[in-house]
């Protein structure tokens, strides 16, 4: 496998995790009051959500030996929910 093939495989592996993280963090960011929205908050939420989803993807790959299992997708959703709940509290810097 060449480097371009490896890049495409990694992009394919993490694309769903990144998409879920960005969509979920954008939804949480939009639900906040207009005065509480800023780009730093969205970046923090997106980083936490995408990181949690990527970790769940890797855990599912290690546990099941392949990607794309429904249990892995459930773990991704739960991990993103937990990460957003912990990092999206109003008083947290």
PDB file of N, CA and C in Angstrom:
ATOM      1  N   UNK A   1       0.845  -1.168   0.000  1.00  0.00           N
ATOM      2  CA  UNK A   1       0.000   0.000   0.000  1.00  0.00           C
ATOM      3  C   UNK A   1       0.891   1.232   0.000  1.00  0.00           C
ATOM      4  N   UNK A   2       0.608   2.115  -0.920  1.00  0.00           N
ATOM      5  CA  UNK A   2       1.373   3.351  -1.018  1.00  0.00           C
ATOM      6  C   UNK A   2       0.859   4.407  -0.058  1.00  0.00           C
ATOM      7  N   UNK A   3       1.572   5.529   0.023  1.00  0.00           N
ATOM      8  CA  UNK A   3       1.168   6.585   0.951  1.00  0.00           C
ATOM      9  C   UNK A   3      -0.182   7.216   0.595  1.00  0.00           C
ATOM     10  N   UNK A   4      -0.497   7.308  -0.679  1.00  0.00           N
ATOM     11  CA  UNK A   4      -1.793   7.877  -1.073  1.00  0.00           C
ATOM     12  C   UNK A   4      -2.919   6.933  -0.663  1.00  0.00           C
ATOM     13  N   UNK A   5      -2.712   5.635  -0.846  1.00  0.00           N
ATOM     14  CA  UNK A   5      -3.727   4.666  -0.417  1.00  0.00           C
ATOM     15  C   UNK A   5      -3.927   4.708   1.100  1.00  0.00           C
ATOM     16  N   UNK A   6      -2.847   4.839   1.841  1.00  0.00           N
ATOM     17  CA  UNK A   6      -2.940   4.938   3.291  1.00  0.00           C
ATOM     18  C   UNK A   6      -3.724   6.185   3.693  1.00  0.00           C
ATOM     19  N   UNK A   7      -3.457   7.295   3.033  1.00  0.00           N
ATOM     20  CA  UNK A   7      -4.184   8.534   3.318  1.00  0.00           C
ATOM     21  C   UNK A   7      -5.678   8.356   3.076  1.00  0.00           C
ATOM     22  N   UNK A   8      -6.051   7.740   1.956  1.00  0.00           N
ATOM     23  CA  UNK A   8      -7.463   7.524   1.651  1.00  0.00           C
ATOM     24  C   UNK A   8      -8.110   6.584   2.659  1.00  0.00           C
ATOM     25  N   UNK A   9      -7.398   5.567   3.107  1.00  0.00           N
ATOM     26  CA  UNK A   9      -7.938   4.647   4.102  1.00  0.00           C
ATOM     27  C   UNK A   9      -8.184   5.367   5.426  1.00  0.00           C
ATOM     28  N   UNK A  10      -7.246   6.204   5.852  1.00  0.00           N
ATOM     29  CA  UNK A  10      -7.416   6.943   7.102  1.00  0.00           C
ATOM     30  C   UNK A  10      -8.541   7.964   6.998  1.00  0.00           C
ATOM     31  N   UNK A  11      -8.637   8.643   5.861  1.00  0.00           N
ATOM     32  CA  UNK A  11      -9.739   9.590   5.662  1.00  0.00           C
ATOM     33  C   UNK A  11     -11.079   8.871   5.688  1.00  0.00           C
ATOM     34  N   UNK A  12     -11.135   7.705   5.082  1.00  0.00           N
ATOM     35  CA  UNK A  12     -12.368   6.927   5.078  1.00  0.00           C
ATOM     36  C   UNK A  12     -12.709   6.430   6.477  1.00  0.00           C
ATOM     37  N   UNK A  13     -11.716   6.041   7.250  1.00  0.00           N
ATOM     38  CA  UNK A  13     -11.948   5.534   8.592  1.00  0.00           C
ATOM     39  C   UNK A  13     -12.518   6.609   9.506  1.00  0.00           C
ATOM     40  N   UNK A  14     -11.972   7.810   9.442  1.00  0.00           N
ATOM     41  CA  UNK A  14     -12.357   8.862  10.378  1.00  0.00           C
ATOM     42  C   UNK A  14     -13.373   9.855   9.834  1.00  0.00           C
ATOM     43  N   UNK A  15     -13.833   9.694   8.602  1.00  0.00           N
ATOM     44  CA  UNK A  15     -14.754  10.677   8.032  1.00  0.00           C
ATOM     45  C   UNK A  15     -16.081  10.732   8.782  1.00  0.00           C
ATOM     46  N   UNK A  16     -16.649   9.591   9.127  1.00  0.00           N
ATOM     47  CA  UNK A  16     -17.925   9.584   9.848  1.00  0.00           C
ATOM     48  C   UNK A  16     -17.766  10.180  11.245  1.00  0.00           C
ATOM     49  N   UNK A  17     -16.655   9.902  11.893  1.00  0.00           N
ATOM     50  CA  UNK A  17     -16.414  10.459  13.228  1.00  0.00           C
ATOM     51  C   UNK A  17     -16.295  11.980  13.169  1.00  0.00           C
ATOM     52  N   UNK A  18     -15.582  12.485  12.186  1.00  0.00           N
ATOM     53  CA  UNK A  18     -15.423  13.932  12.069  1.00  0.00           C
ATOM     54  C   UNK A  18     -16.742  14.610  11.696  1.00  0.00           C
ATOM     55  N   UNK A  19     -17.497  13.997  10.812  1.00  0.00           N
ATOM     56  CA  UNK A  19     -18.788  14.553  10.416  1.00  0.00           C
ATOM     57  C   UNK A  19     -19.743  14.604  11.606  1.00  0.00           C
ATOM     58  N   UNK A  20     -19.823  13.527  12.364  1.00  0.00           N
ATOM     59  CA  UNK A  20     -20.682  13.502  13.543  1.00  0.00           C
ATOM     60  C   UNK A  20     -20.242  14.545  14.563  1.00  0.00           C
ATOM     61  N   UNK A  21     -18.946  14.671  14.783  1.00  0.00           N
ATOM     62  CA  UNK A  21     -18.444  15.648  15.741  1.00  0.00           C
ATOM     63  C   UNK A  21     -18.742  17.080  15.336  1.00  0.00           C
ATOM     64  N   UNK A  22     -18.583  17.394  14.070  1.00  0.00           N
ATOM     65  CA  UNK A  22     -18.831  18.761  13.595  1.00  0.00           C
ATOM     66  C   UNK A  22     -20.320  19.082  13.641  1.00  0.00           C
ATOM     67  N   UNK A  23     -21.166  18.164  13.202  1.00  0.00           N
ATOM     68  CA  UNK A  23     -22.610  18.413  13.210  1.00  0.00           C
ATOM     69  C   UNK A  23     -23.134  18.560  14.638  1.00  0.00           C
ATOM     70  N   UNK A  24     -22.718  17.689  15.534  1.00  0.00           N
ATOM     71  CA  UNK A  24     -23.193  17.746  16.914  1.00  0.00           C
ATOM     72  C   UNK A  24     -22.701  19.005  17.620  1.00  0.00           C
ATOM     73  N   UNK A  25     -21.447  19.368  17.424  1.00  0.00           N
ATOM     74  CA  UNK A  25     -20.932  20.569  18.085  1.00  0.00           C
ATOM     75  C   UNK A  25     -21.569  21.836  17.520  1.00  0.00           C
ATOM     76  N   UNK A  26     -21.879  21.848  16.240  1.00  0.00           N
ATOM     77  CA  UNK A  26     -22.569  22.992  15.661  1.00  0.00           C
ATOM     78  C   UNK A  26     -23.978  23.119  16.231  1.00  0.00           C
ATOM     79  N   UNK A  27     -24.655  21.995  16.407  1.00  0.00           N
ATOM     80  CA  UNK A  27     -25.991  22.026  17.004  1.00  0.00           C
ATOM     81  C   UNK A  27     -25.971  22.544  18.430  1.00  0.00           C
ATOM     82  N   UNK A  28     -25.012  22.106  19.222  1.00  0.00           N
ATOM     83  CA  UNK A  28     -24.893  22.591  20.597  1.00  0.00           C
ATOM     84  C   UNK A  28     -24.553  24.074  20.604  1.00  0.00           C
ATOM     85  N   UNK A  29     -23.680  24.493  19.728  1.00  0.00           N
ATOM     86  CA  UNK A  29     -23.262  25.894  19.653  1.00  0.00           C
ATOM     87  C   UNK A  29     -24.438  26.789  19.259  1.00  0.00           C
ATOM     88  N   UNK A  30     -25.263  26.337  18.319  1.00  0.00           N
ATOM     89  CA  UNK A  30     -26.407  27.133  17.872  1.00  0.00           C
ATOM     90  C   UNK A  30     -27.499  27.228  18.931  1.00  0.00           C
ATOM     91  N   UNK A  31     -27.576  26.260  19.838  1.00  0.00           N
ATOM     92  CA  UNK A  31     -28.587  26.293  20.891  1.00  0.00           C
ATOM     93  C   UNK A  31     -28.248  27.280  21.995  1.00  0.00           C
ATOM     94  N   UNK A  32     -27.044  27.758  22.027  1.00  0.00           N
ATOM     95  CA  UNK A  32     -26.646  28.718  23.053  1.00  0.00           C
ATOM     96  C   UNK A  32     -27.171  30.101  22.690  1.00  0.00           C
ATOM     97  N   UNK A  33     -27.249  30.973  23.667  1.00  0.00           N
ATOM     98  CA  UNK A  33     -27.722  32.336  23.391  1.00  0.00           C
ATOM     99  C   UNK A  33     -26.719  33.051  22.491  1.00  0.00           C
ATOM    100  N   UNK A  34     -27.222  34.022  21.762  1.00  0.00           N
ATOM    101  CA  UNK A  34     -26.388  34.713  20.785  1.00  0.00           C
ATOM    102  C   UNK A  34     -25.169  35.377  21.438  1.00  0.00           C
ATOM    103  N   UNK A  35     -25.318  35.875  22.641  1.00  0.00           N
ATOM    104  CA  UNK A  35     -24.196  36.523  23.328  1.00  0.00           C
ATOM    105  C   UNK A  35     -23.133  35.549  23.799  1.00  0.00           C
ATOM    106  N   UNK A  36     -23.503  34.277  23.963  1.00  0.00           N
ATOM    107  CA  UNK A  36     -22.555  33.281  24.469  1.00  0.00           C
ATOM    108  C   UNK A  36     -21.835  32.546  23.343  1.00  0.00           C
ATOM    109  N   UNK A  37     -22.156  32.839  22.098  1.00  0.00           N
ATOM    110  CA  UNK A  37     -21.514  32.167  20.969  1.00  0.00           C
ATOM    111  C   UNK A  37     -20.221  32.884  20.595  1.00  0.00           C
ATOM    112  N   UNK A  38     -19.184  32.141  20.466  1.00  0.00           N
ATOM    113  CA  UNK A  38     -17.946  32.654  19.895  1.00  0.00           C
ATOM    114  C   UNK A  38     -17.209  31.508  19.213  1.00  0.00           C
ATOM    115  N   UNK A  39     -16.253  31.853  18.387  1.00  0.00           N
ATOM    116  CA  UNK A  39     -15.549  30.841  17.595  1.00  0.00           C
ATOM    117  C   UNK A  39     -14.714  29.920  18.483  1.00  0.00           C
ATOM    118  N   UNK A  40     -14.189  30.441  19.573  1.00  0.00           N
ATOM    119  CA  UNK A  40     -13.379  29.595  20.461  1.00  0.00           C
ATOM    120  C   UNK A  40     -14.216  28.511  21.098  1.00  0.00           C
ATOM    121  N   UNK A  41     -15.458  28.850  21.471  1.00  0.00           N
ATOM    122  CA  UNK A  41     -16.343  27.849  22.046  1.00  0.00           C
ATOM    123  C   UNK A  41     -16.640  26.762  21.025  1.00  0.00           C
ATOM    124  N   UNK A  42     -16.949  27.150  19.782  1.00  0.00           N
ATOM    125  CA  UNK A  42     -17.250  26.146  18.764  1.00  0.00           C
ATOM    126  C   UNK A  42     -16.044  25.262  18.498  1.00  0.00           C
ATOM    127  N   UNK A  43     -14.856  25.836  18.435  1.00  0.00           N
ATOM    128  CA  UNK A  43     -13.647  25.031  18.210  1.00  0.00           C
ATOM    129  C   UNK A  43     -13.418  24.048  19.347  1.00  0.00           C
ATOM    130  N   UNK A  44     -13.649  24.509  20.581  1.00  0.00           N
ATOM    131  CA  UNK A  44     -13.477  23.613  21.731  1.00  0.00           C
ATOM    132  C   UNK A  44     -14.484  22.471  21.689  1.00  0.00           C
ATOM    133  N   UNK A  45     -15.729  22.781  21.363  1.00  0.00           N
ATOM    134  CA  UNK A  45     -16.751  21.745  21.267  1.00  0.00           C
ATOM    135  C   UNK A  45     -16.442  20.768  20.135  1.00  0.00           C
ATOM    136  N   UNK A  46     -16.051  21.299  18.986  1.00  0.00           N
ATOM    137  CA  UNK A  46     -15.755  20.440  17.833  1.00  0.00           C
ATOM    138  C   UNK A  46     -14.543  19.554  18.103  1.00  0.00           C
ATOM    139  N   UNK A  47     -13.525  20.086  18.733  1.00  0.00           N
ATOM    140  CA  UNK A  47     -12.341  19.296  19.045  1.00  0.00           C
ATOM    141  C   UNK A  47     -12.683  18.167  20.019  1.00  0.00           C
ATOM    142  N   UNK A  48     -13.475  18.481  21.035  1.00  0.00           N
ATOM    143  CA  UNK A  48     -13.863  17.452  22.002  1.00  0.00           C
ATOM    144  C   UNK A  48     -14.735  16.378  21.347  1.00  0.00           C
ATOM    145  N   UNK A  49     -15.697  16.802  20.538  1.00  0.00           N
ATOM    146  CA  UNK A  49     -16.617  15.847  19.914  1.00  0.00           C
ATOM    147  C   UNK A  49     -15.894  14.982  18.878  1.00  0.00           C
ATOM    148  N   UNK A  50     -15.075  15.596  18.049  1.00  0.00           N
ATOM    149  CA  UNK A  50     -14.356  14.824  17.028  1.00  0.00           C
ATOM    150  C   UNK A  50     -13.342  13.876  17.662  1.00  0.00           C
ATOM    151  N   UNK A  51     -12.681  14.318  18.710  1.00  0.00           N
ATOM    152  CA  UNK A  51     -11.735  13.452  19.409  1.00  0.00           C
ATOM    153  C   UNK A  51     -12.414  12.265  20.055  1.00  0.00           C
ATOM    154  N   UNK A  52     -13.572  12.503  20.673  1.00  0.00           N
ATOM    155  CA  UNK A  52     -14.304  11.405  21.296  1.00  0.00           C
ATOM    156  C   UNK A  52     -14.810  10.414  20.254  1.00  0.00           C
ATOM    157  N   UNK A  53     -15.308  10.940  19.139  1.00  0.00           N
ATOM    158  CA  UNK A  53     -15.803  10.048  18.081  1.00  0.00           C
ATOM    159  C   UNK A  53     -14.665   9.246  17.453  1.00  0.00           C
ATOM    160  N   UNK A  54     -13.514   9.866  17.264  1.00  0.00           N
ATOM    161  CA  UNK A  54     -12.365   9.157  16.708  1.00  0.00           C
ATOM    162  C   UNK A  54     -11.873   8.075  17.666  1.00  0.00           C
ATOM    163  N   UNK A  55     -11.873   8.381  18.952  1.00  0.00           N
ATOM    164  CA  UNK A  55     -11.464   7.377  19.940  1.00  0.00           C
ATOM    165  C   UNK A  55     -12.435   6.200  19.959  1.00  0.00           C
ATOM    166  N   UNK A  56     -13.729   6.486  19.840  1.00  0.00           N
ATOM    167  CA  UNK A  56     -14.719   5.402  19.794  1.00  0.00           C
ATOM    168  C   UNK A  56     -14.557   4.567  18.525  1.00  0.00           C
ATOM    169  N   UNK A  57     -14.210   5.208  17.424  1.00  0.00           N
ATOM    170  CA  UNK A  57     -13.970   4.477  16.176  1.00  0.00           C
ATOM    171  C   UNK A  57     -12.784   3.535  16.321  1.00  0.00           C
ATOM    172  N   UNK A  58     -11.702   4.040  16.897  1.00  0.00           N
ATOM    173  CA  UNK A  58     -10.518   3.192  17.097  1.00  0.00           C
ATOM    174  C   UNK A  58     -10.800   2.058  18.080  1.00  0.00           C
ATOM    175  N   UNK A  59     -11.574   2.343  19.124  1.00  0.00           N
ATOM    176  CA  UNK A  59     -11.915   1.294  20.089  1.00  0.00           C
ATOM    177  C   UNK A  59     -12.777   0.222  19.423  1.00  0.00           C
ATOM    178  N   UNK A  60     -13.724   0.643  18.595  1.00  0.00           N
ATOM    179  CA  UNK A  60     -14.544  -0.326  17.875  1.00  0.00           C
ATOM    180  C   UNK A  60     -13.735  -1.156  16.901  1.00  0.00           C
ATOM    181  N   UNK A  61     -12.775  -0.522  16.239  1.00  0.00           N
ATOM    182  CA  UNK A  61     -11.907  -1.243  15.318  1.00  0.00           C
ATOM    183  C   UNK A  61     -11.048  -2.265  16.061  1.00  0.00           C
ATOM    184  N   UNK A  62     -10.545  -1.884  17.223  1.00  0.00           N
ATOM    185  CA  UNK A  62      -9.720  -2.802  18.006  1.00  0.00           C
ATOM    186  C   UNK A  62     -10.554  -3.940  18.602  1.00  0.00           C
ATOM    187  N   UNK A  63     -11.765  -3.625  19.025  1.00  0.00           N
ATOM    188  CA  UNK A  63     -12.608  -4.624  19.677  1.00  0.00           C
ATOM    189  C   UNK A  63     -13.204  -5.618  18.680  1.00  0.00           C
ATOM    190  N   UNK A  64     -13.705  -5.119  17.562  1.00  0.00           N
ATOM    191  CA  UNK A  64     -14.401  -5.981  16.603  1.00  0.00           C
ATOM    192  C   UNK A  64     -13.525  -6.443  15.448  1.00  0.00           C
ATOM    193  N   UNK A  65     -12.395  -5.783  15.248  1.00  0.00           N
ATOM    194  CA  UNK A  65     -11.500  -6.190  14.175  1.00  0.00           C
ATOM    195  C   UNK A  65     -11.864  -5.628  12.814  1.00  0.00           C
ATOM    196  N   UNK A  66     -12.923  -4.852  12.741  1.00  0.00           N
ATOM    197  CA  UNK A  66     -13.304  -4.215  11.483  1.00  0.00           C
ATOM    198  C   UNK A  66     -14.100  -2.955  11.780  1.00  0.00           C
ATOM    199  N   UNK A  67     -14.220  -2.128  10.784  1.00  0.00           N
ATOM    200  CA  UNK A  67     -14.913  -0.856  10.935  1.00  0.00           C
ATOM    201  C   UNK A  67     -16.362  -1.005  10.474  1.00  0.00           C
ATOM    202  N   UNK A  68     -17.226  -0.120  10.951  1.00  0.00           N
ATOM    203  CA  UNK A  68     -18.581  -0.067  10.442  1.00  0.00           C
ATOM    204  C   UNK A  68     -19.603  -0.897  11.180  1.00  0.00           C
ATOM    205  N   UNK A  69     -19.307  -1.355  12.371  1.00  0.00           N
ATOM    206  CA  UNK A  69     -20.297  -2.107  13.139  1.00  0.00           C
ATOM    207  C   UNK A  69     -21.271  -1.130  13.787  1.00  0.00           C
ATOM    208  N   UNK A  70     -22.514  -1.544  13.961  1.00  0.00           N
ATOM    209  CA  UNK A  70     -23.517  -0.671  14.560  1.00  0.00           C
ATOM    210  C   UNK A  70     -23.166  -0.346  16.017  1.00  0.00           C
ATOM    211  N   UNK A  71     -22.538  -1.268  16.713  1.00  0.00           N
ATOM    212  CA  UNK A  71     -22.121  -1.005  18.090  1.00  0.00           C
ATOM    213  C   UNK A  71     -21.068   0.111  18.134  1.00  0.00           C
ATOM    214  N   UNK A  72     -20.229   0.167  17.124  1.00  0.00           N
ATOM    215  CA  UNK A  72     -19.229   1.239  17.061  1.00  0.00           C
ATOM    216  C   UNK A  72     -19.904   2.581  16.839  1.00  0.00           C
ATOM    217  N   UNK A  73     -20.915   2.611  15.978  1.00  0.00           N
ATOM    218  CA  UNK A  73     -21.631   3.863  15.746  1.00  0.00           C
ATOM    219  C   UNK A  73     -22.396   4.301  16.988  1.00  0.00           C
ATOM    220  N   UNK A  74     -22.960   3.364  17.726  1.00  0.00           N
ATOM    221  CA  UNK A  74     -23.610   3.700  18.981  1.00  0.00           C
ATOM    222  C   UNK A  74     -22.603   4.257  19.984  1.00  0.00           C
ATOM    223  N   UNK A  75     -21.439   3.643  20.051  1.00  0.00           N
ATOM    224  CA  UNK A  75     -20.392   4.136  20.945  1.00  0.00           C
ATOM    225  C   UNK A  75     -19.933   5.537  20.527  1.00  0.00           C
ATOM    226  N   UNK A  76     -19.884   5.803  19.218  1.00  0.00           N
ATOM    227  CA  UNK A  76     -19.519   7.139  18.747  1.00  0.00           C
ATOM    228  C   UNK A  76     -20.534   8.175  19.214  1.00  0.00           C
ATOM    229  N   UNK A  77     -21.811   7.872  19.072  1.00  0.00           N
ATOM    230  CA  UNK A  77     -22.854   8.813  19.482  1.00  0.00           C
ATOM    231  C   UNK A  77     -22.791   9.060  20.979  1.00  0.00           C
ATOM    232  N   UNK A  78     -22.648   8.011  21.765  1.00  0.00           N
ATOM    233  CA  UNK A  78     -22.563   8.167  23.219  1.00  0.00           C
ATOM    234  C   UNK A  78     -21.316   8.938  23.638  1.00  0.00           C
ATOM    235  N   UNK A  79     -20.203   8.674  22.980  1.00  0.00           N
ATOM    236  CA  UNK A  79     -18.962   9.387  23.305  1.00  0.00           C
ATOM    237  C   UNK A  79     -19.070  10.868  22.963  1.00  0.00           C
ATOM    238  N   UNK A  80     -19.698  11.182  21.839  1.00  0.00           N
ATOM    239  CA  UNK A  80     -19.871  12.587  21.459  1.00  0.00           C
ATOM    240  C   UNK A  80     -20.809  13.286  22.435  1.00  0.00           C
ATOM    241  N   UNK A  81     -21.888  12.625  22.823  1.00  0.00           N
ATOM    242  CA  UNK A  81     -22.810  13.216  23.796  1.00  0.00           C
ATOM    243  C   UNK A  81     -22.113  13.498  25.120  1.00  0.00           C
ATOM    244  N   UNK A  82     -21.334  12.549  25.575  1.00  0.00           N
ATOM    245  CA  UNK A  82     -20.614  12.737  26.835  1.00  0.00           C
ATOM    246  C   UNK A  82     -19.581  13.859  26.722  1.00  0.00           C
ATOM    247  N   UNK A  83     -18.841  13.888  25.628  1.00  0.00           N
ATOM    248  CA  UNK A  83     -17.825  14.926  25.449  1.00  0.00           C
ATOM    249  C   UNK A  83     -18.450  16.309  25.370  1.00  0.00           C
ATOM    250  N   UNK A  84     -19.576  16.427  24.678  1.00  0.00           N
ATOM    251  CA  UNK A  84     -20.230  17.732  24.575  1.00  0.00           C
ATOM    252  C   UNK A  84     -20.857  18.150  25.893  1.00  0.00           C
ATOM    253  N   UNK A  85     -21.370  17.202  26.642  1.00  0.00           N
ATOM    254  CA  UNK A  85     -21.945  17.528  27.945  1.00  0.00           C
ATOM    255  C   UNK A  85     -20.864  18.017  28.905  1.00  0.00           C
ATOM    256  N   UNK A  86     -19.688  17.428  28.828  1.00  0.00           N
ATOM    257  CA  UNK A  86     -18.613  17.821  29.745  1.00  0.00           C
ATOM    258  C   UNK A  86     -17.894  19.097  29.309  1.00  0.00           C
ATOM    259  N   UNK A  87     -17.800  19.336  28.009  1.00  0.00           N
ATOM    260  CA  UNK A  87     -17.035  20.501  27.559  1.00  0.00           C
ATOM    261  C   UNK A  87     -17.904  21.702  27.236  1.00  0.00           C
ATOM    262  N   UNK A  88     -19.218  21.557  27.235  1.00  0.00           N
ATOM    263  CA  UNK A  88     -20.072  22.668  26.842  1.00  0.00           C
ATOM    264  C   UNK A  88     -20.728  23.395  27.999  1.00  0.00           C
ATOM    265  N   UNK A  89     -20.260  23.190  29.210  1.00  0.00           N
ATOM    266  CA  UNK A  89     -20.853  23.871  30.349  1.00  0.00           C
ATOM    267  C   UNK A  89     -20.539  25.363  30.284  1.00  0.00           C
ATOM    268  N   UNK A  90     -21.508  26.220  30.622  1.00  0.00           N
ATOM    269  CA  UNK A  90     -21.329  27.661  30.426  1.00  0.00           C
ATOM    270  C   UNK A  90     -20.152  28.271  31.178  1.00  0.00           C
ATOM    271  N   UNK A  91     -19.878  27.868  32.411  1.00  0.00           N
ATOM    272  CA  UNK A  91     -18.822  28.500  33.177  1.00  0.00           C
ATOM    273  C   UNK A  91     -17.433  27.965  32.907  1.00  0.00           C
ATOM    274  N   UNK A  92     -17.302  26.957  32.075  1.00  0.00           N
ATOM    275  CA  UNK A  92     -16.000  26.314  31.854  1.00  0.00           C
ATOM    276  C   UNK A  92     -15.173  27.083  30.844  1.00  0.00           C
ATOM    277  N   UNK A  93     -13.905  27.279  31.130  1.00  0.00           N
ATOM    278  CA  UNK A  93     -12.997  27.988  30.204  1.00  0.00           C
ATOM    279  C   UNK A  93     -12.078  27.011  29.550  1.00  0.00           C
TER     280      UNK A  93
END
